[in-house]
Amino acid sequence: MTIAEIINHDLPVLKLTDTVGNALNWMEENRIGQLVVVDAGKYAGIVSEEILLGYNEDMKLTDVMLQFSEISLFDYQHIYESLGLISKYNSGGVPLQVIAVINEEEIFVGIITASEIYNKFGELLGIQEPGAVLVISIKNRDYSLAEISRLVESDNAKILSSYFTGNTYFNNESANLTLKINRESITSIVATLERFGYTVEASYAHEPVESIEQERYNMLMKYLSV
């Protein structure tokens, strides 16, 4: 999914000739704390409600301090790039609520919002789909999503999404692989992964996840009761 596919066509775009009062009114109307400013078809920066409140409402935006003038995304980029920007600028200072989108000629083409980015990532990661989440501790050198997928699929399940967090890929330090599985009952999947040497650090499911030892005990009791 590209940036162009999530452009918001409803938010107003400000010009340098607009007044502070107009900008504040549009922010209130659209329930957003930032808007993009464009000058002669080029992205100029972002104005924030917090800053505008310190100016006279009759002042033009030419006299207002613009923010994030160096921050924009190309319309052909993947939305992963947008999440990186949001994460970077939300870690301190003024959070980034909107991002300007430009084309290859650096002409302004639209706006994307942080809320829409989060929504789209929720869809991509399968958050809205029913299922369970597994967190596997794994050495970087042992990481193979293809092998783990094979083990999960051998139990008639599928990986809806995955997220790898670790240090440099080529070192031998431990990392975490987070999986969203399309099944809520994952005891047998955990057992399979542990049988093949993987360490399941955590699991999140509606049904309790039993350990492989508990599963073996239950199988023994079932056998003895026959």
Protein backbone atom coordinates (compact mmCIF):
# COMPACT_ATOMS: atom_id res chain seq x y z
CA MET A 1 0.00 0.00 0.00
CA THR A 2 1.43 3.37 -1.03
CA ILE A 3 1.12 6.78 0.56
CA ALA A 4 -1.08 7.92 -2.33
CA GLU A 5 -3.75 5.39 -1.32
CA ILE A 6 -4.32 6.92 2.11
CA ILE A 7 -4.40 10.62 1.20
CA ASN A 8 -7.11 12.50 3.09
CA HIS A 9 -9.20 14.53 0.65
CA ASP A 10 -11.42 16.16 3.27
CA LEU A 11 -8.95 18.25 5.28
CA PRO A 12 -8.49 21.86 4.15
CA VAL A 13 -5.11 23.03 2.90
CA LEU A 14 -3.95 26.43 4.13
CA LYS A 15 -2.24 29.19 2.17
CA LEU A 16 0.20 31.76 3.51
CA THR A 17 -2.44 34.43 2.84
CA ASP A 18 -4.92 32.76 5.21
CA THR A 19 -5.39 34.27 8.65
CA VAL A 20 -4.72 32.70 12.01
CA GLY A 21 -8.44 32.93 12.79
CA ASN A 22 -9.37 31.00 9.65
CA ALA A 23 -6.83 28.31 10.42
CA LEU A 24 -8.11 27.89 13.98
CA ASN A 25 -11.72 27.71 12.77
CA TRP A 26 -10.87 24.96 10.27
CA MET A 27 -8.97 23.04 12.92
CA GLU A 28 -11.94 23.19 15.26
CA GLU A 29 -14.32 22.20 12.48
CA ASN A 30 -12.18 19.20 11.48
CA ARG A 31 -11.20 18.29 15.06
CA ILE A 32 -7.50 18.30 14.36
CA GLY A 33 -4.64 20.25 15.91
CA GLN A 34 -2.48 20.72 12.81
CA LEU A 35 -2.93 21.70 9.17
CA VAL A 36 -0.61 21.86 6.17
CA VAL A 37 0.38 25.16 4.56
CA VAL A 38 1.11 25.35 0.83
CA ASP A 39 2.72 28.20 -1.10
CA ALA A 40 2.40 28.31 -4.90
CA GLY A 41 1.86 24.55 -5.10
CA LYS A 42 4.84 23.76 -2.86
CA TYR A 43 4.69 22.43 0.66
CA ALA A 44 5.68 25.19 3.12
CA GLY A 45 5.17 23.59 6.53
CA ILE A 46 2.63 22.83 9.22
CA VAL A 47 0.83 25.13 11.64
CA SER A 48 -0.23 23.87 15.06
CA GLU A 49 -3.16 25.05 17.14
CA GLU A 50 -0.91 25.38 20.16
CA ILE A 51 1.29 27.91 18.36
CA LEU A 52 -1.54 29.76 16.58
CA LEU A 53 -3.23 30.54 19.89
CA GLY A 54 -0.31 32.81 20.66
CA TYR A 55 -0.98 35.03 17.65
CA ASN A 56 -3.62 37.63 16.81
CA GLU A 57 -6.41 36.06 14.78
CA ASP A 58 -6.13 38.73 12.08
CA MET A 59 -2.50 37.97 11.35
CA LYS A 60 -1.56 36.23 8.12
CA LEU A 61 0.21 32.89 8.19
CA THR A 62 3.19 34.55 6.53
CA ASP A 63 3.98 35.95 9.99
CA VAL A 64 3.49 32.65 11.82
CA MET A 65 6.22 30.15 12.65
CA LEU A 66 5.77 27.05 10.50
CA GLN A 67 6.87 23.62 11.70
CA PHE A 68 8.11 20.45 10.02
CA SER A 69 8.86 22.25 6.75
CA GLU A 70 11.53 19.64 5.98
CA ILE A 71 9.21 16.69 6.67
CA SER A 72 7.20 15.19 3.80
CA LEU A 73 6.66 11.91 1.97
CA PHE A 74 6.53 11.02 -1.69
CA ASP A 75 3.24 9.65 -2.94
CA TYR A 76 4.88 6.46 -4.26
CA GLN A 77 6.45 5.47 -0.92
CA HIS A 78 5.08 2.60 1.16
CA ILE A 79 3.11 3.49 4.28
CA TYR A 80 5.83 1.89 6.42
CA GLU A 81 7.77 5.09 5.77
CA SER A 82 4.95 7.14 7.28
CA LEU A 83 4.93 5.10 10.48
CA GLY A 84 8.64 5.72 10.86
CA LEU A 85 8.11 9.48 10.71
CA ILE A 86 5.20 9.42 13.13
CA SER A 87 7.20 7.33 15.60
CA LYS A 88 10.27 9.55 15.30
CA TYR A 89 8.49 12.85 15.91
CA ASN A 90 6.08 11.55 18.54
CA SER A 91 8.94 10.48 20.80
CA GLY A 92 9.50 14.06 21.94
CA GLY A 93 8.36 17.61 21.35
CA VAL A 94 5.23 18.38 19.35
CA PRO A 95 3.59 15.18 18.00
CA LEU A 96 3.14 14.98 14.26
CA GLN A 97 -0.57 14.69 13.41
CA VAL A 98 -0.42 15.29 9.65
CA ILE A 99 2.20 14.71 6.95
CA ALA A 100 2.41 16.46 3.59
CA VAL A 101 2.57 14.30 0.48
CA ILE A 102 4.50 15.44 -2.60
CA ASN A 103 5.20 13.94 -6.02
CA GLU A 104 8.52 13.39 -7.81
CA GLU A 105 8.54 17.06 -8.88
CA GLU A 106 8.09 17.99 -5.21
CA ILE A 107 4.65 19.43 -5.93
CA PHE A 108 2.20 19.13 -3.05
CA VAL A 109 -0.47 16.50 -3.76
CA GLY A 110 -2.22 15.89 -0.43
CA ILE A 111 -2.22 15.13 3.28
CA ILE A 112 -2.14 11.95 5.32
CA THR A 113 -3.08 11.86 9.00
CA ALA A 114 -1.53 9.94 11.89
CA SER A 115 -4.91 8.44 12.80
CA GLU A 116 -5.39 7.01 9.30
CA ILE A 117 -1.86 5.61 9.33
CA TYR A 118 -2.60 3.78 12.59
CA ASN A 119 -5.88 2.45 11.18
CA LYS A 120 -4.22 1.13 8.04
CA PHE A 121 -1.44 -0.52 9.99
CA GLY A 122 -4.06 -2.16 12.17
CA GLU A 123 -5.57 -3.66 9.02
CA LEU A 124 -2.20 -4.74 7.62
CA LEU A 125 -1.20 -6.41 10.89
CA GLY A 126 -4.51 -8.25 11.18
CA ILE A 127 -5.37 -6.62 14.50
CA GLN A 128 -9.08 -6.71 13.75
CA GLU A 129 -8.97 -10.40 12.79
CA PRO A 130 -9.76 -12.97 15.50
CA GLY A 131 -6.80 -15.00 16.68
CA ALA A 132 -3.91 -15.22 19.11
CA VAL A 133 -0.52 -13.56 19.46
CA LEU A 134 2.73 -15.40 20.11
CA VAL A 135 6.08 -13.86 21.09
CA ILE A 136 9.02 -16.12 20.28
CA SER A 137 12.54 -15.56 21.59
CA ILE A 138 15.05 -16.43 18.92
CA LYS A 139 18.72 -15.96 18.08
CA ASN A 140 19.25 -13.68 15.12
CA ARG A 141 21.23 -16.33 13.29
CA ASP A 142 18.42 -18.89 13.76
CA TYR A 143 15.67 -16.64 12.43
CA SER A 144 13.75 -18.18 9.54
CA LEU A 145 10.18 -17.02 9.04
CA ALA A 146 9.73 -19.67 6.34
CA GLU A 147 10.57 -22.46 8.79
CA ILE A 148 8.34 -21.03 11.52
CA SER A 149 5.50 -20.56 9.04
CA ARG A 150 5.86 -24.19 8.00
CA LEU A 151 5.53 -25.34 11.61
CA VAL A 152 2.48 -23.14 12.22
CA GLU A 153 0.81 -24.24 9.00
CA SER A 154 1.49 -27.90 9.82
CA ASP A 155 -1.10 -27.40 12.56
CA ASN A 156 -3.70 -26.06 10.10
CA ALA A 157 -3.13 -22.44 11.10
CA LYS A 158 -1.82 -19.37 9.31
CA ILE A 159 0.33 -16.41 10.27
CA LEU A 160 -1.69 -13.25 9.64
CA SER A 161 1.22 -10.92 10.36
CA SER A 162 4.66 -10.92 11.93
CA TYR A 163 6.99 -8.40 13.51
CA PHE A 164 10.70 -8.96 14.15
CA THR A 165 12.50 -6.90 16.79
CA GLY A 166 16.17 -7.34 17.42
CA ASN A 167 19.62 -5.94 17.05
CA THR A 168 21.88 -6.29 14.04
CA TYR A 169 20.64 -9.24 12.02
CA PHE A 170 24.07 -10.85 11.74
CA ASN A 171 24.98 -10.96 15.43
CA ASN A 172 24.08 -13.77 17.79
CA GLU A 173 21.99 -11.83 20.27
CA SER A 174 18.43 -12.79 21.08
CA ALA A 175 15.53 -11.12 19.34
CA ASN A 176 11.76 -11.39 19.49
CA LEU A 177 9.44 -12.50 16.74
CA THR A 178 5.79 -11.55 17.30
CA LEU A 179 3.20 -13.54 15.36
CA LYS A 180 -0.53 -13.00 14.90
CA ILE A 181 -2.13 -16.41 14.33
CA ASN A 182 -5.58 -16.90 12.83
CA ARG A 183 -6.59 -19.24 15.65
CA GLU A 184 -7.43 -18.62 19.29
CA SER A 185 -6.68 -22.15 20.44
CA ILE A 186 -2.88 -22.33 20.10
CA THR A 187 -1.76 -24.91 22.67
CA SER A 188 -0.77 -27.39 19.98
CA ILE A 189 1.06 -24.68 18.01
CA VAL A 190 3.07 -23.71 21.07
CA ALA A 191 3.88 -27.37 21.66
CA THR A 192 5.07 -27.79 18.07
CA LEU A 193 7.30 -24.73 18.22
CA GLU A 194 8.80 -25.80 21.56
CA ARG A 195 9.37 -29.33 20.23
CA PHE A 196 11.49 -27.85 17.45
CA GLY A 197 13.57 -25.81 19.87
CA TYR A 198 11.82 -22.44 19.80
CA THR A 199 11.19 -20.57 23.05
CA VAL A 200 7.71 -19.07 23.33
CA GLU A 201 8.20 -16.08 25.64
CA ALA A 202 4.54 -15.07 25.79
CA SER A 203 1.17 -15.90 24.32
CA TYR A 204 -2.05 -13.95 24.25
CA ALA A 205 -5.28 -15.78 23.49
CA HIS A 206 -8.84 -16.00 24.75
CA GLU A 207 -8.27 -19.64 25.64
CA PRO A 208 -5.53 -20.57 28.16
CA VAL A 209 -2.35 -21.93 26.58
CA GLU A 210 -1.13 -25.13 28.16
CA SER A 211 2.53 -26.07 28.28
CA ILE A 212 3.84 -29.01 26.29
CA GLU A 213 4.27 -30.93 29.58
CA GLN A 214 0.61 -30.34 30.44
CA GLU A 215 -0.45 -31.53 27.00
CA ARG A 216 1.56 -34.75 27.39
CA TYR A 217 0.06 -35.31 30.85
CA ASN A 218 -3.45 -34.89 29.48
CA MET A 219 -2.73 -37.33 26.66
CA LEU A 220 -1.42 -39.88 29.18
CA MET A 221 -4.50 -39.52 31.38
CA LYS A 222 -6.72 -39.93 28.34
CA TYR A 223 -4.83 -43.09 27.36
CA LEU A 224 -5.04 -44.58 30.88
CA SER A 225 -8.76 -43.96 31.07
CA VAL A 226 -9.47 -45.96 27.93
